[in-house]
Structures are given as C-alpha cells and as structure tokens.
C-alpha cells in the first residue's frame, strides 16, 4: 500500500511542477508577469510553503521536493514581476507642459 502512496506523491509532484513550467517559461521569455497579481502569487507561496513543511513533517520527501520546486517557480515569477514592472510615469499636475510655454 505504501508503494501506491509513493507513486501518487511522485505523480502529484511531477504534474504540479509541470503545470508551472509553461508559465515560468513565458514569464521569463517575455519578461512580463502582468497576468499575475501579487496577492495571488503570495497566497500560492504561502500555500506551497505550508505544504512543504507538512510534507517534510510527515517525511513525504517526494511531495516535499515537488512543493519546493513549485515554490521556487512561484518565487521566480514574483522576482520577474518586480524587476520588470513598468516604470511609473511622472506627471507635473498643475504645471504647464514644457512645450506649451
């Protein structure tokens, strides 16, 4: 019975990690993570962090490795989203435009 649980854990970790791969690749390639909100990414990281701790506590190392890889992917997307965010446009409200003078 333990072998069935180990196979299920390995498949779950592999499928979860594989689900992140296309999005991480697209985010890295386009240098844009605008499709993700910070709230979503932080909740995903919190969830995966808790699942990592739980799986380590139960000594489910196949699940643990999968969760840590997925957590790394989510953190990489946060880093890309922060580093490649659009620059803020500064406006001079109340000031006449330089060309209008």
PDB file of N, CA and C in Angstrom:
ATOM      1  N   UNK A   1       0.828  -1.196   0.000  1.00  0.00           N
ATOM      2  CA  UNK A   1       0.000   0.000   0.000  1.00  0.00           C
ATOM      3  C   UNK A   1       0.870   1.256   0.000  1.00  0.00           C
ATOM      4  N   UNK A   2       2.000   1.218   0.695  1.00  0.00           N
ATOM      5  CA  UNK A   2       2.910   2.358   0.757  1.00  0.00           C
ATOM      6  C   UNK A   2       3.419   2.726  -0.634  1.00  0.00           C
ATOM      7  N   UNK A   3       3.644   1.729  -1.482  1.00  0.00           N
ATOM      8  CA  UNK A   3       4.139   1.975  -2.840  1.00  0.00           C
ATOM      9  C   UNK A   3       3.121   2.789  -3.633  1.00  0.00           C
ATOM     10  N   UNK A   4       1.858   2.516  -3.440  1.00  0.00           N
ATOM     11  CA  UNK A   4       0.806   3.274  -4.149  1.00  0.00           C
ATOM     12  C   UNK A   4       0.850   4.741  -3.728  1.00  0.00           C
ATOM     13  N   UNK A   5       1.028   4.994  -2.443  1.00  0.00           N
ATOM     14  CA  UNK A   5       1.108   6.376  -1.961  1.00  0.00           C
ATOM     15  C   UNK A   5       2.355   7.076  -2.497  1.00  0.00           C
ATOM     16  N   UNK A   6       3.462   6.371  -2.560  1.00  0.00           N
ATOM     17  CA  UNK A   6       4.690   6.942  -3.103  1.00  0.00           C
ATOM     18  C   UNK A   6       4.537   7.279  -4.587  1.00  0.00           C
ATOM     19  N   UNK A   7       3.887   6.407  -5.334  1.00  0.00           N
ATOM     20  CA  UNK A   7       3.651   6.668  -6.768  1.00  0.00           C
ATOM     21  C   UNK A   7       2.727   7.873  -6.927  1.00  0.00           C
ATOM     22  N   UNK A   8       1.668   7.923  -6.119  1.00  0.00           N
ATOM     23  CA  UNK A   8       0.739   9.059  -6.184  1.00  0.00           C
ATOM     24  C   UNK A   8       1.452  10.362  -5.823  1.00  0.00           C
ATOM     25  N   UNK A   9       2.328  10.322  -4.822  1.00  0.00           N
ATOM     26  CA  UNK A   9       3.076  11.520  -4.427  1.00  0.00           C
ATOM     27  C   UNK A   9       4.011  11.955  -5.543  1.00  0.00           C
ATOM     28  N   UNK A  10       4.695  11.010  -6.147  1.00  0.00           N
ATOM     29  CA  UNK A  10       5.616  11.347  -7.240  1.00  0.00           C
ATOM     30  C   UNK A  10       4.858  11.929  -8.426  1.00  0.00           C
ATOM     31  N   UNK A  11       3.742  11.332  -8.787  1.00  0.00           N
ATOM     32  CA  UNK A  11       2.944  11.848  -9.904  1.00  0.00           C
ATOM     33  C   UNK A  11       2.372  13.226  -9.583  1.00  0.00           C
ATOM     34  N   UNK A  12       1.894  13.398  -8.360  1.00  0.00           N
ATOM     35  CA  UNK A  12       1.353  14.705  -7.959  1.00  0.00           C
ATOM     36  C   UNK A  12       2.412  15.795  -8.019  1.00  0.00           C
ATOM     37  N   UNK A  13       3.592  15.494  -7.524  1.00  0.00           N
ATOM     38  CA  UNK A  13       4.686  16.466  -7.590  1.00  0.00           C
ATOM     39  C   UNK A  13       5.098  16.763  -9.015  1.00  0.00           C
ATOM     40  N   UNK A  14       5.159  15.715  -9.843  1.00  0.00           N
ATOM     41  CA  UNK A  14       5.554  15.908 -11.247  1.00  0.00           C
ATOM     42  C   UNK A  14       4.498  16.710 -12.005  1.00  0.00           C
ATOM     43  N   UNK A  15       3.226  16.395 -11.810  1.00  0.00           N
ATOM     44  CA  UNK A  15       2.162  17.129 -12.517  1.00  0.00           C
ATOM     45  C   UNK A  15       2.084  18.584 -12.049  1.00  0.00           C
ATOM     46  N   UNK A  16       2.214  18.804 -10.742  1.00  0.00           N
ATOM     47  CA  UNK A  16       2.177  20.173 -10.223  1.00  0.00           C
ATOM     48  C   UNK A  16       3.330  21.007 -10.743  1.00  0.00           C
ATOM     49  N   UNK A  17       4.502  20.414 -10.787  1.00  0.00           N
ATOM     50  CA  UNK A  17       5.678  21.113 -11.303  1.00  0.00           C
ATOM     51  C   UNK A  17       5.541  21.363 -12.797  1.00  0.00           C
ATOM     52  N   UNK A  18       5.058  20.368 -13.520  1.00  0.00           N
ATOM     53  CA  UNK A  18       4.871  20.515 -14.971  1.00  0.00           C
ATOM     54  C   UNK A  18       3.843  21.600 -15.286  1.00  0.00           C
ATOM     55  N   UNK A  19       2.863  21.773 -14.420  1.00  0.00           N
ATOM     56  CA  UNK A  19       1.848  22.810 -14.648  1.00  0.00           C
ATOM     57  C   UNK A  19       2.460  24.212 -14.589  1.00  0.00           C
ATOM     58  N   UNK A  20       3.499  24.396 -13.794  1.00  0.00           N
ATOM     59  CA  UNK A  20       4.155  25.695 -13.679  1.00  0.00           C
ATOM     60  C   UNK A  20       5.111  25.985 -14.818  1.00  0.00           C
ATOM     61  N   UNK A  21       5.661  24.953 -15.417  1.00  0.00           N
ATOM     62  CA  UNK A  21       6.724  25.129 -16.410  1.00  0.00           C
ATOM     63  C   UNK A  21       6.347  26.066 -17.564  1.00  0.00           C
ATOM     64  N   UNK A  22       5.202  25.902 -18.228  1.00  0.00           N
ATOM     65  CA  UNK A  22       4.896  26.806 -19.351  1.00  0.00           C
ATOM     66  C   UNK A  22       4.770  28.273 -18.927  1.00  0.00           C
ATOM     67  N   UNK A  23       4.177  28.509 -17.754  1.00  0.00           N
ATOM     68  CA  UNK A  23       4.003  29.897 -17.317  1.00  0.00           C
ATOM     69  C   UNK A  23       5.325  30.526 -16.933  1.00  0.00           C
ATOM     70  N   UNK A  24       6.188  29.770 -16.258  1.00  0.00           N
ATOM     71  CA  UNK A  24       7.505  30.295 -15.895  1.00  0.00           C
ATOM     72  C   UNK A  24       8.296  30.602 -17.164  1.00  0.00           C
ATOM     73  N   UNK A  25       8.240  29.719 -18.140  1.00  0.00           N
ATOM     74  CA  UNK A  25       8.960  29.937 -19.401  1.00  0.00           C
ATOM     75  C   UNK A  25       8.445  31.183 -20.107  1.00  0.00           C
ATOM     76  N   UNK A  26       7.113  31.335 -20.190  1.00  0.00           N
ATOM     77  CA  UNK A  26       6.524  32.506 -20.851  1.00  0.00           C
ATOM     78  C   UNK A  26       6.906  33.789 -20.114  1.00  0.00           C
ATOM     79  N   UNK A  27       6.849  33.744 -18.784  1.00  0.00           N
ATOM     80  CA  UNK A  27       7.185  34.920 -17.988  1.00  0.00           C
ATOM     81  C   UNK A  27       8.648  35.299 -18.185  1.00  0.00           C
ATOM     82  N   UNK A  28       9.521  34.318 -18.182  1.00  0.00           N
ATOM     83  CA  UNK A  28      10.950  34.583 -18.366  1.00  0.00           C
ATOM     84  C   UNK A  28      11.222  35.109 -19.768  1.00  0.00           C
ATOM     85  N   UNK A  29      10.587  34.520 -20.771  1.00  0.00           N
ATOM     86  CA  UNK A  29      10.818  34.892 -22.168  1.00  0.00           C
ATOM     87  C   UNK A  29      10.310  36.303 -22.468  1.00  0.00           C
ATOM     88  N   UNK A  30       9.121  36.641 -21.989  1.00  0.00           N
ATOM     89  CA  UNK A  30       8.516  37.947 -22.284  1.00  0.00           C
ATOM     90  C   UNK A  30       8.902  39.013 -21.265  1.00  0.00           C
ATOM     91  N   UNK A  31       9.513  38.584 -20.156  1.00  0.00           N
ATOM     92  CA  UNK A  31       9.875  39.493 -19.066  1.00  0.00           C
ATOM     93  C   UNK A  31       8.653  40.253 -18.546  1.00  0.00           C
ATOM     94  N   UNK A  32       7.504  39.567 -18.555  1.00  0.00           N
ATOM     95  CA  UNK A  32       6.272  40.187 -18.092  1.00  0.00           C
ATOM     96  C   UNK A  32       5.468  39.177 -17.276  1.00  0.00           C
ATOM     97  N   UNK A  33       5.067  39.598 -16.097  1.00  0.00           N
ATOM     98  CA  UNK A  33       4.202  38.772 -15.248  1.00  0.00           C
ATOM     99  C   UNK A  33       2.941  39.550 -14.903  1.00  0.00           C
ATOM    100  N   UNK A  34       2.511  40.385 -15.841  1.00  0.00           N
ATOM    101  CA  UNK A  34       1.346  41.226 -15.611  1.00  0.00           C
ATOM    102  C   UNK A  34       0.072  40.424 -15.391  1.00  0.00           C
ATOM    103  N   UNK A  35       0.038  39.187 -15.870  1.00  0.00           N
ATOM    104  CA  UNK A  35      -1.159  38.359 -15.722  1.00  0.00           C
ATOM    105  C   UNK A  35      -1.367  37.905 -14.280  1.00  0.00           C
ATOM    106  N   UNK A  36      -0.355  38.025 -13.451  1.00  0.00           N
ATOM    107  CA  UNK A  36      -0.436  37.587 -12.066  1.00  0.00           C
ATOM    108  C   UNK A  36      -0.535  38.791 -11.145  1.00  0.00           C
ATOM    109  N   UNK A  37      -1.391  38.698 -10.133  1.00  0.00           N
ATOM    110  CA  UNK A  37      -1.398  39.727  -9.095  1.00  0.00           C
ATOM    111  C   UNK A  37      -0.434  39.283  -7.998  1.00  0.00           C
ATOM    112  N   UNK A  38       0.110  40.262  -7.283  1.00  0.00           N
ATOM    113  CA  UNK A  38       0.987  39.922  -6.168  1.00  0.00           C
ATOM    114  C   UNK A  38       0.231  39.117  -5.107  1.00  0.00           C
ATOM    115  N   UNK A  39      -1.029  39.456  -4.903  1.00  0.00           N
ATOM    116  CA  UNK A  39      -1.834  38.727  -3.917  1.00  0.00           C
ATOM    117  C   UNK A  39      -1.921  37.240  -4.242  1.00  0.00           C
ATOM    118  N   UNK A  40      -2.197  36.934  -5.491  1.00  0.00           N
ATOM    119  CA  UNK A  40      -2.267  35.537  -5.912  1.00  0.00           C
ATOM    120  C   UNK A  40      -0.929  34.846  -5.709  1.00  0.00           C
ATOM    121  N   UNK A  41       0.135  35.475  -6.141  1.00  0.00           N
ATOM    122  CA  UNK A  41       1.456  34.863  -6.026  1.00  0.00           C
ATOM    123  C   UNK A  41       1.862  34.645  -4.575  1.00  0.00           C
ATOM    124  N   UNK A  42       1.576  35.609  -3.708  1.00  0.00           N
ATOM    125  CA  UNK A  42       1.932  35.446  -2.296  1.00  0.00           C
ATOM    126  C   UNK A  42       1.089  34.359  -1.636  1.00  0.00           C
ATOM    127  N   UNK A  43      -0.189  34.244  -1.996  1.00  0.00           N
ATOM    128  CA  UNK A  43      -1.015  33.171  -1.450  1.00  0.00           C
ATOM    129  C   UNK A  43      -0.544  31.805  -1.938  1.00  0.00           C
ATOM    130  N   UNK A  44      -0.155  31.721  -3.196  1.00  0.00           N
ATOM    131  CA  UNK A  44       0.387  30.464  -3.718  1.00  0.00           C
ATOM    132  C   UNK A  44       1.660  30.098  -2.959  1.00  0.00           C
ATOM    133  N   UNK A  45       2.541  31.080  -2.738  1.00  0.00           N
ATOM    134  CA  UNK A  45       3.787  30.816  -1.998  1.00  0.00           C
ATOM    135  C   UNK A  45       3.487  30.383  -0.565  1.00  0.00           C
ATOM    136  N   UNK A  46       2.531  31.038   0.078  1.00  0.00           N
ATOM    137  CA  UNK A  46       2.171  30.653   1.444  1.00  0.00           C
ATOM    138  C   UNK A  46       1.630  29.226   1.478  1.00  0.00           C
ATOM    139  N   UNK A  47       0.775  28.900   0.536  1.00  0.00           N
ATOM    140  CA  UNK A  47       0.211  27.559   0.453  1.00  0.00           C
ATOM    141  C   UNK A  47       1.299  26.510   0.235  1.00  0.00           C
ATOM    142  N   UNK A  48       2.168  26.761  -0.731  1.00  0.00           N
ATOM    143  CA  UNK A  48       3.236  25.806  -1.021  1.00  0.00           C
ATOM    144  C   UNK A  48       4.236  25.710   0.127  1.00  0.00           C
ATOM    145  N   UNK A  49       4.472  26.814   0.811  1.00  0.00           N
ATOM    146  CA  UNK A  49       5.340  26.772   1.978  1.00  0.00           C
ATOM    147  C   UNK A  49       4.761  25.896   3.076  1.00  0.00           C
ATOM    148  N   UNK A  50       3.462  26.053   3.353  1.00  0.00           N
ATOM    149  CA  UNK A  50       2.801  25.221   4.361  1.00  0.00           C
ATOM    150  C   UNK A  50       2.800  23.748   3.951  1.00  0.00           C
ATOM    151  N   UNK A  51       2.530  23.499   2.679  1.00  0.00           N
ATOM    152  CA  UNK A  51       2.530  22.116   2.193  1.00  0.00           C
ATOM    153  C   UNK A  51       3.929  21.506   2.262  1.00  0.00           C
ATOM    154  N   UNK A  52       4.953  22.316   2.014  1.00  0.00           N
ATOM    155  CA  UNK A  52       6.327  21.825   2.120  1.00  0.00           C
ATOM    156  C   UNK A  52       6.656  21.429   3.552  1.00  0.00           C
ATOM    157  N   UNK A  53       6.280  22.277   4.501  1.00  0.00           N
ATOM    158  CA  UNK A  53       6.535  21.979   5.913  1.00  0.00           C
ATOM    159  C   UNK A  53       5.775  20.720   6.334  1.00  0.00           C
ATOM    160  N   UNK A  54       4.518  20.628   5.928  1.00  0.00           N
ATOM    161  CA  UNK A  54       3.706  19.464   6.282  1.00  0.00           C
ATOM    162  C   UNK A  54       4.282  18.187   5.694  1.00  0.00           C
ATOM    163  N   UNK A  55       4.648  18.217   4.411  1.00  0.00           N
ATOM    164  CA  UNK A  55       5.188  17.011   3.784  1.00  0.00           C
ATOM    165  C   UNK A  55       6.535  16.618   4.401  1.00  0.00           C
ATOM    166  N   UNK A  56       7.342  17.599   4.798  1.00  0.00           N
ATOM    167  CA  UNK A  56       8.601  17.276   5.475  1.00  0.00           C
ATOM    168  C   UNK A  56       8.320  16.677   6.849  1.00  0.00           C
ATOM    169  N   UNK A  57       7.324  17.209   7.543  1.00  0.00           N
ATOM    170  CA  UNK A  57       6.970  16.690   8.856  1.00  0.00           C
ATOM    171  C   UNK A  57       6.501  15.242   8.803  1.00  0.00           C
ATOM    172  N   UNK A  58       5.787  14.897   7.742  1.00  0.00           N
ATOM    173  CA  UNK A  58       5.324  13.516   7.563  1.00  0.00           C
ATOM    174  C   UNK A  58       6.345  12.656   6.813  1.00  0.00           C
ATOM    175  N   UNK A  59       7.486  13.239   6.527  1.00  0.00           N
ATOM    176  CA  UNK A  59       8.565  12.545   5.810  1.00  0.00           C
ATOM    177  C   UNK A  59       8.113  12.026   4.442  1.00  0.00           C
ATOM    178  N   UNK A  60       7.328  12.834   3.769  1.00  0.00           N
ATOM    179  CA  UNK A  60       6.886  12.530   2.410  1.00  0.00           C
ATOM    180  C   UNK A  60       7.798  13.304   1.458  1.00  0.00           C
ATOM    181  N   UNK A  61       8.980  12.771   1.225  1.00  0.00           N
ATOM    182  CA  UNK A  61      10.029  13.506   0.533  1.00  0.00           C
ATOM    183  C   UNK A  61       9.710  13.744  -0.933  1.00  0.00           C
ATOM    184  N   UNK A  62       8.964  12.843  -1.558  1.00  0.00           N
ATOM    185  CA  UNK A  62       8.594  13.079  -2.961  1.00  0.00           C
ATOM    186  C   UNK A  62       7.670  14.286  -3.078  1.00  0.00           C
ATOM    187  N   UNK A  63       6.722  14.392  -2.169  1.00  0.00           N
ATOM    188  CA  UNK A  63       5.856  15.575  -2.161  1.00  0.00           C
ATOM    189  C   UNK A  63       6.654  16.825  -1.816  1.00  0.00           C
ATOM    190  N   UNK A  64       7.524  16.702  -0.834  1.00  0.00           N
ATOM    191  CA  UNK A  64       8.332  17.842  -0.399  1.00  0.00           C
ATOM    192  C   UNK A  64       9.136  18.424  -1.553  1.00  0.00           C
ATOM    193  N   UNK A  65       9.808  17.569  -2.304  1.00  0.00           N
ATOM    194  CA  UNK A  65      10.620  18.040  -3.438  1.00  0.00           C
ATOM    195  C   UNK A  65       9.744  18.740  -4.467  1.00  0.00           C
ATOM    196  N   UNK A  66       8.595  18.163  -4.779  1.00  0.00           N
ATOM    197  CA  UNK A  66       7.682  18.793  -5.735  1.00  0.00           C
ATOM    198  C   UNK A  66       7.203  20.157  -5.269  1.00  0.00           C
ATOM    199  N   UNK A  67       6.844  20.258  -3.986  1.00  0.00           N
ATOM    200  CA  UNK A  67       6.369  21.531  -3.451  1.00  0.00           C
ATOM    201  C   UNK A  67       7.473  22.585  -3.454  1.00  0.00           C
ATOM    202  N   UNK A  68       8.684  22.189  -3.125  1.00  0.00           N
ATOM    203  CA  UNK A  68       9.800  23.144  -3.102  1.00  0.00           C
ATOM    204  C   UNK A  68      10.110  23.639  -4.515  1.00  0.00           C
ATOM    205  N   UNK A  69      10.052  22.752  -5.498  1.00  0.00           N
ATOM    206  CA  UNK A  69      10.276  23.179  -6.889  1.00  0.00           C
ATOM    207  C   UNK A  69       9.184  24.147  -7.325  1.00  0.00           C
ATOM    208  N   UNK A  70       7.933  23.834  -6.982  1.00  0.00           N
ATOM    209  CA  UNK A  70       6.830  24.729  -7.345  1.00  0.00           C
ATOM    210  C   UNK A  70       6.952  26.066  -6.625  1.00  0.00           C
ATOM    211  N   UNK A  71       7.355  26.045  -5.372  1.00  0.00           N
ATOM    212  CA  UNK A  71       7.559  27.282  -4.615  1.00  0.00           C
ATOM    213  C   UNK A  71       8.660  28.124  -5.257  1.00  0.00           C
ATOM    214  N   UNK A  72       9.712  27.470  -5.714  1.00  0.00           N
ATOM    215  CA  UNK A  72      10.791  28.187  -6.402  1.00  0.00           C
ATOM    216  C   UNK A  72      10.291  28.840  -7.688  1.00  0.00           C
ATOM    217  N   UNK A  73       9.422  28.143  -8.417  1.00  0.00           N
ATOM    218  CA  UNK A  73       8.865  28.705  -9.651  1.00  0.00           C
ATOM    219  C   UNK A  73       8.002  29.924  -9.342  1.00  0.00           C
ATOM    220  N   UNK A  74       7.169  29.835  -8.313  1.00  0.00           N
ATOM    221  CA  UNK A  74       6.319  30.974  -7.944  1.00  0.00           C
ATOM    222  C   UNK A  74       7.165  32.161  -7.486  1.00  0.00           C
ATOM    223  N   UNK A  75       8.219  31.901  -6.724  1.00  0.00           N
ATOM    224  CA  UNK A  75       9.109  32.985  -6.294  1.00  0.00           C
ATOM    225  C   UNK A  75       9.842  33.604  -7.479  1.00  0.00           C
ATOM    226  N   UNK A  76      10.201  32.791  -8.464  1.00  0.00           N
ATOM    227  CA  UNK A  76      10.852  33.325  -9.666  1.00  0.00           C
ATOM    228  C   UNK A  76       9.914  34.261 -10.414  1.00  0.00           C
ATOM    229  N   UNK A  77       8.637  33.919 -10.468  1.00  0.00           N
ATOM    230  CA  UNK A  77       7.668  34.796 -11.143  1.00  0.00           C
ATOM    231  C   UNK A  77       7.524  36.108 -10.378  1.00  0.00           C
ATOM    232  N   UNK A  78       7.539  36.049  -9.046  1.00  0.00           N
ATOM    233  CA  UNK A  78       7.465  37.285  -8.257  1.00  0.00           C
ATOM    234  C   UNK A  78       8.676  38.176  -8.546  1.00  0.00           C
ATOM    235  N   UNK A  79       9.847  37.573  -8.615  1.00  0.00           N
ATOM    236  CA  UNK A  79      11.068  38.337  -8.893  1.00  0.00           C
ATOM    237  C   UNK A  79      10.986  38.995 -10.269  1.00  0.00           C
ATOM    238  N   UNK A  80      10.562  38.241 -11.282  1.00  0.00           N
ATOM    239  CA  UNK A  80      10.437  38.803 -12.634  1.00  0.00           C
ATOM    240  C   UNK A  80       9.386  39.909 -12.652  1.00  0.00           C
ATOM    241  N   UNK A  81       8.265  39.686 -11.971  1.00  0.00           N
ATOM    242  CA  UNK A  81       7.210  40.707 -11.934  1.00  0.00           C
ATOM    243  C   UNK A  81       7.726  42.000 -11.306  1.00  0.00           C
ATOM    244  N   UNK A  82       8.533  41.882 -10.250  1.00  0.00           N
ATOM    245  CA  UNK A  82       9.068  43.068  -9.596  1.00  0.00           C
ATOM    246  C   UNK A  82      10.146  43.744 -10.431  1.00  0.00           C
ATOM    247  N   UNK A  83      11.073  42.968 -10.958  1.00  0.00           N
ATOM    248  CA  UNK A  83      12.203  43.550 -11.692  1.00  0.00           C
ATOM    249  C   UNK A  83      11.793  44.183 -13.012  1.00  0.00           C
ATOM    250  N   UNK A  84      10.791  43.640 -13.668  1.00  0.00           N
ATOM    251  CA  UNK A  84      10.407  44.132 -14.988  1.00  0.00           C
ATOM    252  C   UNK A  84       9.056  44.835 -14.964  1.00  0.00           C
ATOM    253  N   UNK A  85       8.728  45.445 -13.840  1.00  0.00           N
ATOM    254  CA  UNK A  85       7.469  46.197 -13.763  1.00  0.00           C
ATOM    255  C   UNK A  85       7.593  47.459 -14.603  1.00  0.00           C
ATOM    256  N   UNK A  86       6.471  47.934 -15.124  1.00  0.00           N
ATOM    257  CA  UNK A  86       6.535  49.161 -15.917  1.00  0.00           C
ATOM    258  C   UNK A  86       6.953  50.353 -15.055  1.00  0.00           C
ATOM    259  N   UNK A  87       7.709  51.233 -15.647  1.00  0.00           N
ATOM    260  CA  UNK A  87       8.148  52.436 -14.936  1.00  0.00           C
ATOM    261  C   UNK A  87       6.955  53.352 -14.710  1.00  0.00           C
ATOM    262  N   UNK A  88       6.942  53.999 -13.553  1.00  0.00           N
ATOM    263  CA  UNK A  88       5.865  54.936 -13.266  1.00  0.00           C
ATOM    264  C   UNK A  88       6.078  56.201 -14.071  1.00  0.00           C
ATOM    265  N   UNK A  89       5.003  56.712 -14.585  1.00  0.00           N
ATOM    266  CA  UNK A  89       5.078  57.964 -15.337  1.00  0.00           C
ATOM    267  C   UNK A  89       4.879  59.116 -14.375  1.00  0.00           C
ATOM    268  N   UNK A  90       5.798  60.029 -14.390  1.00  0.00           N
ATOM    269  CA  UNK A  90       5.689  61.203 -13.537  1.00  0.00           C
ATOM    270  C   UNK A  90       4.995  62.299 -14.320  1.00  0.00           C
ATOM    271  N   UNK A  91       4.001  62.870 -13.704  1.00  0.00           N
ATOM    272  CA  UNK A  91       3.294  63.978 -14.345  1.00  0.00           C
ATOM    273  C   UNK A  91       3.451  65.217 -13.472  1.00  0.00           C
ATOM    274  N   UNK A  92       3.485  66.326 -14.107  1.00  0.00           N
ATOM    275  CA  UNK A  92       3.558  67.602 -13.403  1.00  0.00           C
ATOM    276  C   UNK A  92       2.159  68.195 -13.380  1.00  0.00           C
ATOM    277  N   UNK A  93       1.370  67.709 -12.476  1.00  0.00           N
ATOM    278  CA  UNK A  93      -0.008  68.210 -12.395  1.00  0.00           C
ATOM    279  C   UNK A  93       0.006  69.663 -11.940  1.00  0.00           C
ATOM    280  N   UNK A  94      -0.731  70.450 -12.621  1.00  0.00           N
ATOM    281  CA  UNK A  94      -0.790  71.860 -12.291  1.00  0.00           C
ATOM    282  C   UNK A  94       0.325  72.674 -12.927  1.00  0.00           C
ATOM    283  N   UNK A  95       1.304  72.013 -13.491  1.00  0.00           N
ATOM    284  CA  UNK A  95       2.413  72.699 -14.137  1.00  0.00           C
ATOM    285  C   UNK A  95       2.161  72.698 -15.646  1.00  0.00           C
ATOM    286  N   UNK A  96       2.402  73.816 -16.304  1.00  0.00           N
ATOM    287  CA  UNK A  96       2.227  73.817 -17.751  1.00  0.00           C
ATOM    288  C   UNK A  96       3.269  72.900 -18.415  1.00  0.00           C
ATOM    289  N   UNK A  97       2.851  72.299 -19.492  1.00  0.00           N
ATOM    290  CA  UNK A  97       3.757  71.426 -20.254  1.00  0.00           C
ATOM    291  C   UNK A  97       4.892  72.265 -20.831  1.00  0.00           C
ATOM    292  N   UNK A  98       6.070  71.667 -20.913  1.00  0.00           N
ATOM    293  CA  UNK A  98       7.262  72.392 -21.368  1.00  0.00           C
ATOM    294  C   UNK A  98       7.075  72.963 -22.767  1.00  0.00           C
ATOM    295  N   UNK A  99       6.363  72.259 -23.626  1.00  0.00           N
ATOM    296  CA  UNK A  99       6.159  72.743 -24.992  1.00  0.00           C
ATOM    297  C   UNK A  99       5.083  73.816 -25.081  1.00  0.00           C
ATOM    298  N   UNK A 100       4.255  73.934 -24.070  1.00  0.00           N
ATOM    299  CA  UNK A 100       3.168  74.905 -24.102  1.00  0.00           C
ATOM    300  C   UNK A 100       3.642  76.293 -23.718  1.00  0.00           C
ATOM    301  N   UNK A 101       4.849  76.422 -23.272  1.00  0.00           N
ATOM    302  CA  UNK A 101       5.343  77.743 -22.855  1.00  0.00           C
ATOM    303  C   UNK A 101       5.666  78.627 -23.982  1.00  0.00           C
TER     304      UNK A 101
END
